[in-house]
PDB file of N, CA and C in Angstrom:
ATOM      1  N   MET A   1       0.828  -1.179   0.000  1.00  0.00           N
ATOM      2  CA  MET A   1       0.000   0.000   0.000  1.00  0.00           C
ATOM      3  C   MET A   1       0.867   1.235   0.000  1.00  0.00           C
ATOM      4  N   ALA A   2       0.350   2.276  -0.581  1.00  0.00           N
ATOM      5  CA  ALA A   2       1.084   3.532  -0.627  1.00  0.00           C
ATOM      6  C   ALA A   2       0.165   4.669  -0.229  1.00  0.00           C
ATOM      7  N   VAL A   3       0.723   5.657   0.410  1.00  0.00           N
ATOM      8  CA  VAL A   3      -0.045   6.851   0.728  1.00  0.00           C
ATOM      9  C   VAL A   3      -0.189   7.635  -0.556  1.00  0.00           C
ATOM     10  N   ARG A   4      -1.404   7.961  -0.899  1.00  0.00           N
ATOM     11  CA  ARG A   4      -1.662   8.653  -2.149  1.00  0.00           C
ATOM     12  C   ARG A   4      -1.728  10.165  -1.981  1.00  0.00           C
ATOM     13  N   ASP A   5      -2.155  10.635  -0.811  1.00  0.00           N
ATOM     14  CA  ASP A   5      -2.313  12.068  -0.617  1.00  0.00           C
ATOM     15  C   ASP A   5      -2.169  12.379   0.870  1.00  0.00           C
ATOM     16  N   VAL A   6      -1.395  13.401   1.178  1.00  0.00           N
ATOM     17  CA  VAL A   6      -1.239  13.841   2.565  1.00  0.00           C
ATOM     18  C   VAL A   6      -1.362  15.355   2.582  1.00  0.00           C
ATOM     19  N   ALA A   7      -2.159  15.874   3.484  1.00  0.00           N
ATOM     20  CA  ALA A   7      -2.299  17.317   3.649  1.00  0.00           C
ATOM     21  C   ALA A   7      -2.243  17.617   5.137  1.00  0.00           C
ATOM     22  N   ALA A   8      -1.447  18.581   5.509  1.00  0.00           N
ATOM     23  CA  ALA A   8      -1.319  18.937   6.920  1.00  0.00           C
ATOM     24  C   ALA A   8      -2.647  19.424   7.475  1.00  0.00           C
ATOM     25  N   ALA A   9      -2.953  18.974   8.662  1.00  0.00           N
ATOM     26  CA  ALA A   9      -4.175  19.418   9.336  1.00  0.00           C
ATOM     27  C   ALA A   9      -3.892  20.750  10.029  1.00  0.00           C
ATOM     28  N   PRO A  10      -4.923  21.572  10.230  1.00  0.00           N
ATOM     29  CA  PRO A  10      -4.705  22.876  10.843  1.00  0.00           C
ATOM     30  C   PRO A  10      -4.359  22.800  12.333  1.00  0.00           C
ATOM     31  N   GLY A  11      -4.511  21.674  12.931  1.00  0.00           N
ATOM     32  CA  GLY A  11      -4.209  21.522  14.352  1.00  0.00           C
ATOM     33  C   GLY A  11      -3.901  20.075  14.636  1.00  0.00           C
ATOM     34  N   ARG A  12      -3.963  19.732  15.871  1.00  0.00           N
ATOM     35  CA  ARG A  12      -3.706  18.350  16.234  1.00  0.00           C
ATOM     36  C   ARG A  12      -4.810  17.903  17.168  1.00  0.00           C
ATOM     37  N   TRP A  13      -5.502  16.866  16.779  1.00  0.00           N
ATOM     38  CA  TRP A  13      -6.532  16.281  17.620  1.00  0.00           C
ATOM     39  C   TRP A  13      -5.864  15.574  18.773  1.00  0.00           C
ATOM     40  N   ARG A  14      -6.369  15.803  19.951  1.00  0.00           N
ATOM     41  CA  ARG A  14      -5.830  15.138  21.128  1.00  0.00           C
ATOM     42  C   ARG A  14      -6.986  14.537  21.914  1.00  0.00           C
ATOM     43  N   PRO A  15      -6.881  13.246  22.204  1.00  0.00           N
ATOM     44  CA  PRO A  15      -7.944  12.641  23.020  1.00  0.00           C
ATOM     45  C   PRO A  15      -7.853  13.154  24.446  1.00  0.00           C
ATOM     46  N   GLY A  16      -8.984  13.207  25.100  1.00  0.00           N
ATOM     47  CA  GLY A  16      -9.038  13.649  26.484  1.00  0.00           C
ATOM     48  C   GLY A  16     -10.159  12.925  27.214  1.00  0.00           C
ATOM     49  N   ALA A  17     -10.415  13.336  28.422  1.00  0.00           N
ATOM     50  CA  ALA A  17     -11.420  12.675  29.257  1.00  0.00           C
ATOM     51  C   ALA A  17     -12.800  12.648  28.589  1.00  0.00           C
ATOM     52  N   ALA A  18     -13.108  13.639  27.766  1.00  0.00           N
ATOM     53  CA  ALA A  18     -14.423  13.709  27.111  1.00  0.00           C
ATOM     54  C   ALA A  18     -14.486  12.923  25.799  1.00  0.00           C
ATOM     55  N   THR A  19     -13.361  12.371  25.361  1.00  0.00           N
ATOM     56  CA  THR A  19     -13.318  11.673  24.071  1.00  0.00           C
ATOM     57  C   THR A  19     -14.223  10.450  24.062  1.00  0.00           C
ATOM     58  N   ARG A  20     -14.993  10.360  22.982  1.00  0.00           N
ATOM     59  CA  ARG A  20     -15.805   9.168  22.708  1.00  0.00           C
ATOM     60  C   ARG A  20     -15.428   8.678  21.323  1.00  0.00           C
ATOM     61  N   ILE A  21     -15.694   7.421  21.064  1.00  0.00           N
ATOM     62  CA  ILE A  21     -15.583   6.913  19.700  1.00  0.00           C
ATOM     63  C   ILE A  21     -17.008   6.868  19.181  1.00  0.00           C
ATOM     64  N   VAL A  22     -17.237   7.642  18.124  1.00  0.00           N
ATOM     65  CA  VAL A  22     -18.580   7.790  17.574  1.00  0.00           C
ATOM     66  C   VAL A  22     -18.694   6.976  16.295  1.00  0.00           C
ATOM     67  N   LEU A  23     -19.653   6.077  16.279  1.00  0.00           N
ATOM     68  CA  LEU A  23     -19.962   5.308  15.075  1.00  0.00           C
ATOM     69  C   LEU A  23     -21.142   5.985  14.406  1.00  0.00           C
ATOM     70  N   VAL A  24     -20.959   6.350  13.158  1.00  0.00           N
ATOM     71  CA  VAL A  24     -22.008   7.025  12.405  1.00  0.00           C
ATOM     72  C   VAL A  24     -23.085   5.996  12.045  1.00  0.00           C
ATOM     73  N   PRO A  25     -24.379   6.330  12.256  1.00  0.00           N
ATOM     74  CA  PRO A  25     -25.444   5.378  11.917  1.00  0.00           C
ATOM     75  C   PRO A  25     -25.277   4.853  10.492  1.00  0.00           C
ATOM     76  N   GLY A  26     -25.549   3.589  10.307  1.00  0.00           N
ATOM     77  CA  GLY A  26     -25.386   2.949   9.010  1.00  0.00           C
ATOM     78  C   GLY A  26     -24.046   2.245   8.899  1.00  0.00           C
ATOM     79  N   SER A  27     -23.075   2.665   9.685  1.00  0.00           N
ATOM     80  CA  SER A  27     -21.757   2.041   9.699  1.00  0.00           C
ATOM     81  C   SER A  27     -21.513   1.291  11.006  1.00  0.00           C
ATOM     82  N   SER A  28     -22.352   1.535  11.982  1.00  0.00           N
ATOM     83  CA  SER A  28     -22.064   1.088  13.339  1.00  0.00           C
ATOM     84  C   SER A  28     -21.907  -0.420  13.490  1.00  0.00           C
ATOM     85  N   GLY A  29     -22.775  -1.197  12.864  1.00  0.00           N
ATOM     86  CA  GLY A  29     -22.685  -2.653  13.006  1.00  0.00           C
ATOM     87  C   GLY A  29     -21.382  -3.214  12.469  1.00  0.00           C
ATOM     88  N   ARG A  30     -20.929  -2.696  11.352  1.00  0.00           N
ATOM     89  CA  ARG A  30     -19.716  -3.210  10.712  1.00  0.00           C
ATOM     90  C   ARG A  30     -18.431  -2.651  11.324  1.00  0.00           C
ATOM     91  N   LEU A  31     -18.537  -1.588  12.103  1.00  0.00           N
ATOM     92  CA  LEU A  31     -17.334  -0.976  12.657  1.00  0.00           C
ATOM     93  C   LEU A  31     -17.208  -1.132  14.176  1.00  0.00           C
ATOM     94  N   ARG A  32     -18.136  -1.820  14.797  1.00  0.00           N
ATOM     95  CA  ARG A  32     -18.098  -1.956  16.257  1.00  0.00           C
ATOM     96  C   ARG A  32     -16.802  -2.622  16.736  1.00  0.00           C
ATOM     97  N   ASP A  33     -16.348  -3.685  16.045  1.00  0.00           N
ATOM     98  CA  ASP A  33     -15.088  -4.337  16.436  1.00  0.00           C
ATOM     99  C   ASP A  33     -13.907  -3.383  16.290  1.00  0.00           C
ATOM    100  N   GLU A  34     -13.895  -2.587  15.219  1.00  0.00           N
ATOM    101  CA  GLU A  34     -12.818  -1.616  15.015  1.00  0.00           C
ATOM    102  C   GLU A  34     -12.853  -0.559  16.111  1.00  0.00           C
ATOM    103  N   ALA A  35     -14.042  -0.163  16.521  1.00  0.00           N
ATOM    104  CA  ALA A  35     -14.168   0.829  17.588  1.00  0.00           C
ATOM    105  C   ALA A  35     -13.602   0.283  18.896  1.00  0.00           C
ATOM    106  N   ARG A  36     -13.906  -0.968  19.211  1.00  0.00           N
ATOM    107  CA  ARG A  36     -13.369  -1.571  20.446  1.00  0.00           C
ATOM    108  C   ARG A  36     -11.845  -1.660  20.389  1.00  0.00           C
ATOM    109  N   THR A  37     -11.309  -2.046  19.234  1.00  0.00           N
ATOM    110  CA  THR A  37      -9.857  -2.130  19.077  1.00  0.00           C
ATOM    111  C   THR A  37      -9.213  -0.759  19.230  1.00  0.00           C
ATOM    112  N   THR A  38      -9.791   0.244  18.599  1.00  0.00           N
ATOM    113  CA  THR A  38      -9.259   1.608  18.684  1.00  0.00           C
ATOM    114  C   THR A  38      -9.310   2.116  20.121  1.00  0.00           C
ATOM    115  N   ALA A  39     -10.411   1.852  20.821  1.00  0.00           N
ATOM    116  CA  ALA A  39     -10.533   2.273  22.221  1.00  0.00           C
ATOM    117  C   ALA A  39      -9.422   1.653  23.064  1.00  0.00           C
ATOM    118  N   ALA A  40      -9.179   0.371  22.866  1.00  0.00           N
ATOM    119  CA  ALA A  40      -8.121  -0.319  23.619  1.00  0.00           C
ATOM    120  C   ALA A  40      -6.749   0.254  23.278  1.00  0.00           C
ATOM    121  N   GLU A  41      -6.512   0.557  22.016  1.00  0.00           N
ATOM    122  CA  GLU A  41      -5.219   1.107  21.596  1.00  0.00           C
ATOM    123  C   GLU A  41      -4.971   2.494  22.199  1.00  0.00           C
ATOM    124  N   LEU A  42      -6.010   3.301  22.322  1.00  0.00           N
ATOM    125  CA  LEU A  42      -5.843   4.632  22.917  1.00  0.00           C
ATOM    126  C   LEU A  42      -5.365   4.519  24.368  1.00  0.00           C
ATOM    127  N   VAL A  43      -5.817   3.494  25.067  1.00  0.00           N
ATOM    128  CA  VAL A  43      -5.373   3.267  26.444  1.00  0.00           C
ATOM    129  C   VAL A  43      -3.972   2.647  26.451  1.00  0.00           C
ATOM    130  N   GLN A  44      -3.773   1.615  25.638  1.00  0.00           N
ATOM    131  CA  GLN A  44      -2.480   0.917  25.599  1.00  0.00           C
ATOM    132  C   GLN A  44      -1.337   1.839  25.212  1.00  0.00           C
ATOM    133  N   GLU A  45      -1.594   2.787  24.314  1.00  0.00           N
ATOM    134  CA  GLU A  45      -0.559   3.705  23.849  1.00  0.00           C
ATOM    135  C   GLU A  45      -0.389   4.911  24.775  1.00  0.00           C
ATOM    136  N   GLY A  46      -1.157   4.951  25.870  1.00  0.00           N
ATOM    137  CA  GLY A  46      -1.010   6.000  26.866  1.00  0.00           C
ATOM    138  C   GLY A  46      -1.709   7.301  26.566  1.00  0.00           C
ATOM    139  N   HIS A  47      -2.597   7.324  25.571  1.00  0.00           N
ATOM    140  CA  HIS A  47      -3.307   8.554  25.238  1.00  0.00           C
ATOM    141  C   HIS A  47      -4.457   8.825  26.201  1.00  0.00           C
ATOM    142  N   LEU A  48      -5.024   7.755  26.773  1.00  0.00           N
ATOM    143  CA  LEU A  48      -6.133   7.874  27.721  1.00  0.00           C
ATOM    144  C   LEU A  48      -5.891   6.935  28.891  1.00  0.00           C
ATOM    145  N   ASP A  49      -6.432   7.304  30.047  1.00  0.00           N
ATOM    146  CA  ASP A  49      -6.318   6.448  31.238  1.00  0.00           C
ATOM    147  C   ASP A  49      -7.376   5.361  31.271  1.00  0.00           C
ATOM    148  N   ARG A  50      -8.478   5.609  30.584  1.00  0.00           N
ATOM    149  CA  ARG A  50      -9.560   4.618  30.544  1.00  0.00           C
ATOM    150  C   ARG A  50     -10.117   4.545  29.130  1.00  0.00           C
ATOM    151  N   SER A  51     -10.756   3.445  28.843  1.00  0.00           N
ATOM    152  CA  SER A  51     -11.320   3.232  27.511  1.00  0.00           C
ATOM    153  C   SER A  51     -12.445   4.230  27.251  1.00  0.00           C
ATOM    154  N   PRO A  52     -12.439   4.882  26.088  1.00  0.00           N
ATOM    155  CA  PRO A  52     -13.513   5.834  25.790  1.00  0.00           C
ATOM    156  C   PRO A  52     -14.836   5.117  25.521  1.00  0.00           C
ATOM    157  N   GLN A  53     -15.899   5.815  25.768  1.00  0.00           N
ATOM    158  CA  GLN A  53     -17.240   5.310  25.495  1.00  0.00           C
ATOM    159  C   GLN A  53     -17.415   5.180  23.985  1.00  0.00           C
ATOM    160  N   ILE A  54     -18.093   4.128  23.547  1.00  0.00           N
ATOM    161  CA  ILE A  54     -18.418   3.935  22.125  1.00  0.00           C
ATOM    162  C   ILE A  54     -19.905   4.199  21.976  1.00  0.00           C
ATOM    163  N   VAL A  55     -20.255   5.153  21.118  1.00  0.00           N
ATOM    164  CA  VAL A  55     -21.646   5.553  20.935  1.00  0.00           C
ATOM    165  C   VAL A  55     -21.992   5.587  19.457  1.00  0.00           C
ATOM    166  N   VAL A  56     -23.266   5.512  19.153  1.00  0.00           N
ATOM    167  CA  VAL A  56     -23.769   5.672  17.787  1.00  0.00           C
ATOM    168  C   VAL A  56     -24.496   7.013  17.742  1.00  0.00           C
ATOM    169  N   LYS A  57     -23.956   7.931  16.967  1.00  0.00           N
ATOM    170  CA  LYS A  57     -24.508   9.287  16.855  1.00  0.00           C
ATOM    171  C   LYS A  57     -24.280   9.790  15.434  1.00  0.00           C
ATOM    172  N   PRO A  58     -25.181  10.613  14.908  1.00  0.00           N
ATOM    173  CA  PRO A  58     -24.970  11.143  13.558  1.00  0.00           C
ATOM    174  C   PRO A  58     -23.894  12.220  13.495  1.00  0.00           C
ATOM    175  N   HIS A  59     -23.635  12.914  14.617  1.00  0.00           N
ATOM    176  CA  HIS A  59     -22.666  14.004  14.600  1.00  0.00           C
ATOM    177  C   HIS A  59     -21.769  13.906  15.832  1.00  0.00           C
ATOM    178  N   PRO A  60     -20.450  13.849  15.630  1.00  0.00           N
ATOM    179  CA  PRO A  60     -19.540  13.818  16.774  1.00  0.00           C
ATOM    180  C   PRO A  60     -19.443  15.179  17.459  1.00  0.00           C
ATOM    181  N   ALA A  61     -19.063  15.153  18.719  1.00  0.00           N
ATOM    182  CA  ALA A  61     -18.859  16.368  19.512  1.00  0.00           C
ATOM    183  C   ALA A  61     -17.353  16.657  19.584  1.00  0.00           C
ATOM    184  N   PRO A  62     -16.971  17.832  20.081  1.00  0.00           N
ATOM    185  CA  PRO A  62     -15.543  18.126  20.229  1.00  0.00           C
ATOM    186  C   PRO A  62     -14.811  17.020  20.999  1.00  0.00           C
ATOM    187  N   HIS A  63     -13.625  16.707  20.545  1.00  0.00           N
ATOM    188  CA  HIS A  63     -12.719  15.698  21.108  1.00  0.00           C
ATOM    189  C   HIS A  63     -13.090  14.272  20.743  1.00  0.00           C
ATOM    190  N   ASP A  64     -14.163  14.080  19.967  1.00  0.00           N
ATOM    191  CA  ASP A  64     -14.564  12.738  19.562  1.00  0.00           C
ATOM    192  C   ASP A  64     -13.722  12.238  18.394  1.00  0.00           C
ATOM    193  N   LEU A  65     -13.692  10.922  18.268  1.00  0.00           N
ATOM    194  CA  LEU A  65     -13.106  10.240  17.123  1.00  0.00           C
ATOM    195  C   LEU A  65     -14.255   9.531  16.432  1.00  0.00           C
ATOM    196  N   ALA A  66     -14.558   9.928  15.207  1.00  0.00           N
ATOM    197  CA  ALA A  66     -15.674   9.340  14.471  1.00  0.00           C
ATOM    198  C   ALA A  66     -15.156   8.293  13.488  1.00  0.00           C
ATOM    199  N   LEU A  67     -15.834   7.161  13.439  1.00  0.00           N
ATOM    200  CA  LEU A  67     -15.530   6.105  12.475  1.00  0.00           C
ATOM    201  C   LEU A  67     -16.740   5.937  11.577  1.00  0.00           C
ATOM    202  N   GLN A  68     -16.490   5.896  10.269  1.00  0.00           N
ATOM    203  CA  GLN A  68     -17.598   5.709   9.332  1.00  0.00           C
ATOM    204  C   GLN A  68     -17.113   4.992   8.089  1.00  0.00           C
ATOM    205  N   LEU A  69     -18.064   4.400   7.402  1.00  0.00           N
ATOM    206  CA  LEU A  69     -17.794   3.787   6.101  1.00  0.00           C
ATOM    207  C   LEU A  69     -18.229   4.764   5.029  1.00  0.00           C
ATOM    208  N   GLY A  70     -17.476   4.813   3.954  1.00  0.00           N
ATOM    209  CA  GLY A  70     -17.840   5.709   2.869  1.00  0.00           C
ATOM    210  C   GLY A  70     -16.824   5.633   1.751  1.00  0.00           C
ATOM    211  N   ARG A  71     -17.118   6.289   0.679  1.00  0.00           N
ATOM    212  CA  ARG A  71     -16.235   6.324  -0.490  1.00  0.00           C
ATOM    213  C   ARG A  71     -14.993   7.136  -0.160  1.00  0.00           C
ATOM    214  N   VAL A  72     -13.854   6.635  -0.596  1.00  0.00           N
ATOM    215  CA  VAL A  72     -12.592   7.367  -0.452  1.00  0.00           C
ATOM    216  C   VAL A  72     -12.209   7.829  -1.852  1.00  0.00           C
ATOM    217  N   PRO A  73     -12.278   9.142  -2.106  1.00  0.00           N
ATOM    218  CA  PRO A  73     -11.995   9.645  -3.451  1.00  0.00           C
ATOM    219  C   PRO A  73     -10.636   9.177  -3.977  1.00  0.00           C
ATOM    220  N   GLY A  74     -10.631   8.755  -5.225  1.00  0.00           N
ATOM    221  CA  GLY A  74      -9.390   8.355  -5.876  1.00  0.00           C
ATOM    222  C   GLY A  74      -8.991   6.913  -5.668  1.00  0.00           C
ATOM    223  N   SER A  75      -9.824   6.125  -4.997  1.00  0.00           N
ATOM    224  CA  SER A  75      -9.457   4.733  -4.758  1.00  0.00           C
ATOM    225  C   SER A  75     -10.680   3.832  -4.760  1.00  0.00           C
ATOM    226  N   ALA A  76     -10.493   2.648  -5.322  1.00  0.00           N
ATOM    227  CA  ALA A  76     -11.528   1.620  -5.275  1.00  0.00           C
ATOM    228  C   ALA A  76     -11.108   0.490  -4.341  1.00  0.00           C
ATOM    229  N   SER A  77      -9.956   0.623  -3.699  1.00  0.00           N
ATOM    230  CA  SER A  77      -9.432  -0.420  -2.825  1.00  0.00           C
ATOM    231  C   SER A  77     -10.278  -0.558  -1.564  1.00  0.00           C
ATOM    232  N   PRO A  78     -10.546  -1.790  -1.131  1.00  0.00           N
ATOM    233  CA  PRO A  78     -11.280  -1.984   0.124  1.00  0.00           C
ATOM    234  C   PRO A  78     -10.440  -1.585   1.347  1.00  0.00           C
ATOM    235  N   GLU A  79      -9.146  -1.368   1.147  1.00  0.00           N
ATOM    236  CA  GLU A  79      -8.271  -0.966   2.248  1.00  0.00           C
ATOM    237  C   GLU A  79      -8.037   0.540   2.293  1.00  0.00           C
ATOM    238  N   ALA A  80      -8.710   1.277   1.423  1.00  0.00           N
ATOM    239  CA  ALA A  80      -8.535   2.732   1.387  1.00  0.00           C
ATOM    240  C   ALA A  80      -9.193   3.368   2.609  1.00  0.00           C
ATOM    241  N   TYR A  81      -8.604   4.463   3.061  1.00  0.00           N
ATOM    242  CA  TYR A  81      -9.183   5.218   4.164  1.00  0.00           C
ATOM    243  C   TYR A  81      -8.795   6.679   4.037  1.00  0.00           C
ATOM    244  N   ARG A  82      -9.493   7.506   4.769  1.00  0.00           N
ATOM    245  CA  ARG A  82      -9.185   8.937   4.819  1.00  0.00           C
ATOM    246  C   ARG A  82      -9.294   9.364   6.275  1.00  0.00           C
ATOM    247  N   VAL A  83      -8.302  10.093   6.760  1.00  0.00           N
ATOM    248  CA  VAL A  83      -8.297  10.628   8.119  1.00  0.00           C
ATOM    249  C   VAL A  83      -8.401  12.142   7.996  1.00  0.00           C
ATOM    250  N   GLU A  84      -9.426  12.710   8.595  1.00  0.00           N
ATOM    251  CA  GLU A  84      -9.623  14.155   8.524  1.00  0.00           C
ATOM    252  C   GLU A  84      -9.789  14.724   9.925  1.00  0.00           C
ATOM    253  N   THR A  85      -9.121  15.833  10.173  1.00  0.00           N
ATOM    254  CA  THR A  85      -9.289  16.543  11.433  1.00  0.00           C
ATOM    255  C   THR A  85      -9.914  17.888  11.112  1.00  0.00           C
ATOM    256  N   ALA A  86     -11.049  18.150  11.730  1.00  0.00           N
ATOM    257  CA  ALA A  86     -11.734  19.432  11.552  1.00  0.00           C
ATOM    258  C   ALA A  86     -12.023  19.968  12.953  1.00  0.00           C
ATOM    259  N   GLY A  87     -11.306  20.999  13.322  1.00  0.00           N
ATOM    260  CA  GLY A  87     -11.466  21.537  14.670  1.00  0.00           C
ATOM    261  C   GLY A  87     -11.009  20.517  15.698  1.00  0.00           C
ATOM    262  N   ASP A  88     -11.900  20.161  16.595  1.00  0.00           N
ATOM    263  CA  ASP A  88     -11.578  19.225  17.669  1.00  0.00           C
ATOM    264  C   ASP A  88     -12.080  17.816  17.407  1.00  0.00           C
ATOM    265  N   VAL A  89     -12.416  17.489  16.163  1.00  0.00           N
ATOM    266  CA  VAL A  89     -12.951  16.166  15.829  1.00  0.00           C
ATOM    267  C   VAL A  89     -12.095  15.536  14.737  1.00  0.00           C
ATOM    268  N   THR A  90     -11.775  14.264  14.909  1.00  0.00           N
ATOM    269  CA  THR A  90     -11.103  13.513  13.862  1.00  0.00           C
ATOM    270  C   THR A  90     -12.064  12.457  13.350  1.00  0.00           C
ATOM    271  N   THR A  91     -12.152  12.330  12.033  1.00  0.00           N
ATOM    272  CA  THR A  91     -13.017  11.342  11.396  1.00  0.00           C
ATOM    273  C   THR A  91     -12.166  10.422  10.536  1.00  0.00           C
ATOM    274  N   ILE A  92     -12.331   9.125  10.745  1.00  0.00           N
ATOM    275  CA  ILE A  92     -11.693   8.125   9.886  1.00  0.00           C
ATOM    276  C   ILE A  92     -12.792   7.510   9.040  1.00  0.00           C
ATOM    277  N   THR A  93     -12.670   7.679   7.724  1.00  0.00           N
ATOM    278  CA  THR A  93     -13.616   7.092   6.780  1.00  0.00           C
ATOM    279  C   THR A  93     -12.904   5.964   6.068  1.00  0.00           C
ATOM    280  N   GLY A  94     -13.434   4.765   6.170  1.00  0.00           N
ATOM    281  CA  GLY A  94     -12.870   3.617   5.483  1.00  0.00           C
ATOM    282  C   GLY A  94     -13.803   3.166   4.383  1.00  0.00           C
ATOM    283  N   SER A  95     -13.237   2.731   3.248  1.00  0.00           N
ATOM    284  CA  SER A  95     -14.088   2.238   2.175  1.00  0.00           C
ATOM    285  C   SER A  95     -14.707   0.899   2.565  1.00  0.00           C
ATOM    286  N   SER A  96     -14.157   0.274   3.606  1.00  0.00           N
ATOM    287  CA  SER A  96     -14.720  -0.954   4.190  1.00  0.00           C
ATOM    288  C   SER A  96     -14.220  -1.016   5.630  1.00  0.00           C
ATOM    289  N   ALA A  97     -14.684  -1.996   6.391  1.00  0.00           N
ATOM    290  CA  ALA A  97     -14.172  -2.167   7.750  1.00  0.00           C
ATOM    291  C   ALA A  97     -12.669  -2.420   7.705  1.00  0.00           C
ATOM    292  N   THR A  98     -12.188  -3.091   6.660  1.00  0.00           N
ATOM    293  CA  THR A  98     -10.756  -3.336   6.497  1.00  0.00           C
ATOM    294  C   THR A  98     -10.015  -2.017   6.352  1.00  0.00           C
ATOM    295  N   GLY A  99     -10.557  -1.102   5.566  1.00  0.00           N
ATOM    296  CA  GLY A  99      -9.928   0.210   5.395  1.00  0.00           C
ATOM    297  C   GLY A  99      -9.853   0.964   6.708  1.00  0.00           C
ATOM    298  N   SER A 100     -10.905   0.890   7.498  1.00  0.00           N
ATOM    299  CA  SER A 100     -10.904   1.570   8.793  1.00  0.00           C
ATOM    300  C   SER A 100      -9.852   1.006   9.718  1.00  0.00           C
ATOM    301  N   SER A 101      -9.600  -0.295   9.628  1.00  0.00           N
ATOM    302  CA  SER A 101      -8.627  -0.914  10.531  1.00  0.00           C
ATOM    303  C   SER A 101      -7.188  -0.687  10.085  1.00  0.00           C
ATOM    304  N   THR A 102      -6.961  -0.334   8.812  1.00  0.00           N
ATOM    305  CA  THR A 102      -5.590  -0.093   8.355  1.00  0.00           C
ATOM    306  C   THR A 102      -5.166   1.360   8.533  1.00  0.00           C
ATOM    307  N   ALA A 103      -6.093   2.223   8.914  1.00  0.00           N
ATOM    308  CA  ALA A 103      -5.760   3.630   9.130  1.00  0.00           C
ATOM    309  C   ALA A 103      -4.782   3.754  10.287  1.00  0.00           C
ATOM    310  N   PRO A 104      -3.899   4.763  10.223  1.00  0.00           N
ATOM    311  CA  PRO A 104      -2.953   4.948  11.326  1.00  0.00           C
ATOM    312  C   PRO A 104      -3.681   5.425  12.570  1.00  0.00           C
ATOM    313  N   GLY A 105      -3.003   5.402  13.687  1.00  0.00           N
ATOM    314  CA  GLY A 105      -3.589   5.888  14.931  1.00  0.00           C
ATOM    315  C   GLY A 105      -4.148   7.281  14.757  1.00  0.00           C
ATOM    316  N   PRO A 106      -5.209   7.600  15.449  1.00  0.00           N
ATOM    317  CA  PRO A 106      -5.870   8.884  15.269  1.00  0.00           C
ATOM    318  C   PRO A 106      -5.103  10.068  15.814  1.00  0.00           C
ATOM    319  N   CYS A 107      -4.002   9.844  16.494  1.00  0.00           N
ATOM    320  CA  CYS A 107      -3.255  10.950  17.093  1.00  0.00           C
ATOM    321  C   CYS A 107      -2.197  11.510  16.160  1.00  0.00           C
ATOM    322  N   SER A 108      -2.263  11.147  14.866  1.00  0.00           N
ATOM    323  CA  SER A 108      -1.273  11.664  13.919  1.00  0.00           C
ATOM    324  C   SER A 108      -1.581  13.120  13.596  1.00  0.00           C
ATOM    325  N   LYS A 109      -0.623  13.785  12.963  1.00  0.00           N
ATOM    326  CA  LYS A 109      -0.711  15.227  12.722  1.00  0.00           C
ATOM    327  C   LYS A 109      -1.283  15.578  11.343  1.00  0.00           C
ATOM    328  N   SER A 110      -1.504  14.587  10.505  1.00  0.00           N
ATOM    329  CA  SER A 110      -1.932  14.901   9.151  1.00  0.00           C
ATOM    330  C   SER A 110      -3.216  14.184   8.779  1.00  0.00           C
ATOM    331  N   SER A 111      -3.798  14.651   7.718  1.00  0.00           N
ATOM    332  CA  SER A 111      -4.909  13.946   7.090  1.00  0.00           C
ATOM    333  C   SER A 111      -4.313  13.143   5.950  1.00  0.00           C
ATOM    334  N   ALA A 112      -4.810  11.944   5.742  1.00  0.00           N
ATOM    335  CA  ALA A 112      -4.239  11.112   4.684  1.00  0.00           C
ATOM    336  C   ALA A 112      -5.303  10.223   4.098  1.00  0.00           C
ATOM    337  N   LYS A 113      -5.083   9.831   2.866  1.00  0.00           N
ATOM    338  CA  LYS A 113      -5.884   8.754   2.312  1.00  0.00           C
ATOM    339  C   LYS A 113      -4.902   7.750   1.721  1.00  0.00           C
ATOM    340  N   ARG A 114      -5.191   6.513   1.922  1.00  0.00           N
ATOM    341  CA  ARG A 114      -4.263   5.461   1.537  1.00  0.00           C
ATOM    342  C   ARG A 114      -4.975   4.521   0.582  1.00  0.00           C
ATOM    343  N   ALA A 115      -4.272   4.101  -0.418  1.00  0.00           N
ATOM    344  CA  ALA A 115      -4.868   3.187  -1.374  1.00  0.00           C
ATOM    345  C   ALA A 115      -3.787   2.294  -1.967  1.00  0.00           C
ATOM    346  N   ARG A 116      -4.230   1.160  -2.456  1.00  0.00           N
ATOM    347  CA  ARG A 116      -3.329   0.228  -3.105  1.00  0.00           C
ATOM    348  C   ARG A 116      -3.004   0.685  -4.488  1.00  0.00           C
TER     349      ARG A 116
END
């Protein structure tokens, strides 16, 4: 796999006590395992002291990490993903659950989309 596009984000998303992992409706069933894995990784990597709450909501709040399925422009690969930080929210969009799981940790400084 190769990174196809990288653009610096205007800030850096940082998880905190209020951080939740938000599953966008319609994607929640297929991404629940990825959400649990991501929650565990945030604790294991020392970003949080406790596992964040996993919720299903249409719109994330500040400090949330949103996971969703959707089209990744420029790629038809099932492993494609896009990481976007807008204000205090980071959204990982995977073209499939596989794409969501191959995305880098959410604490990175850039937005990226990856494709084969």
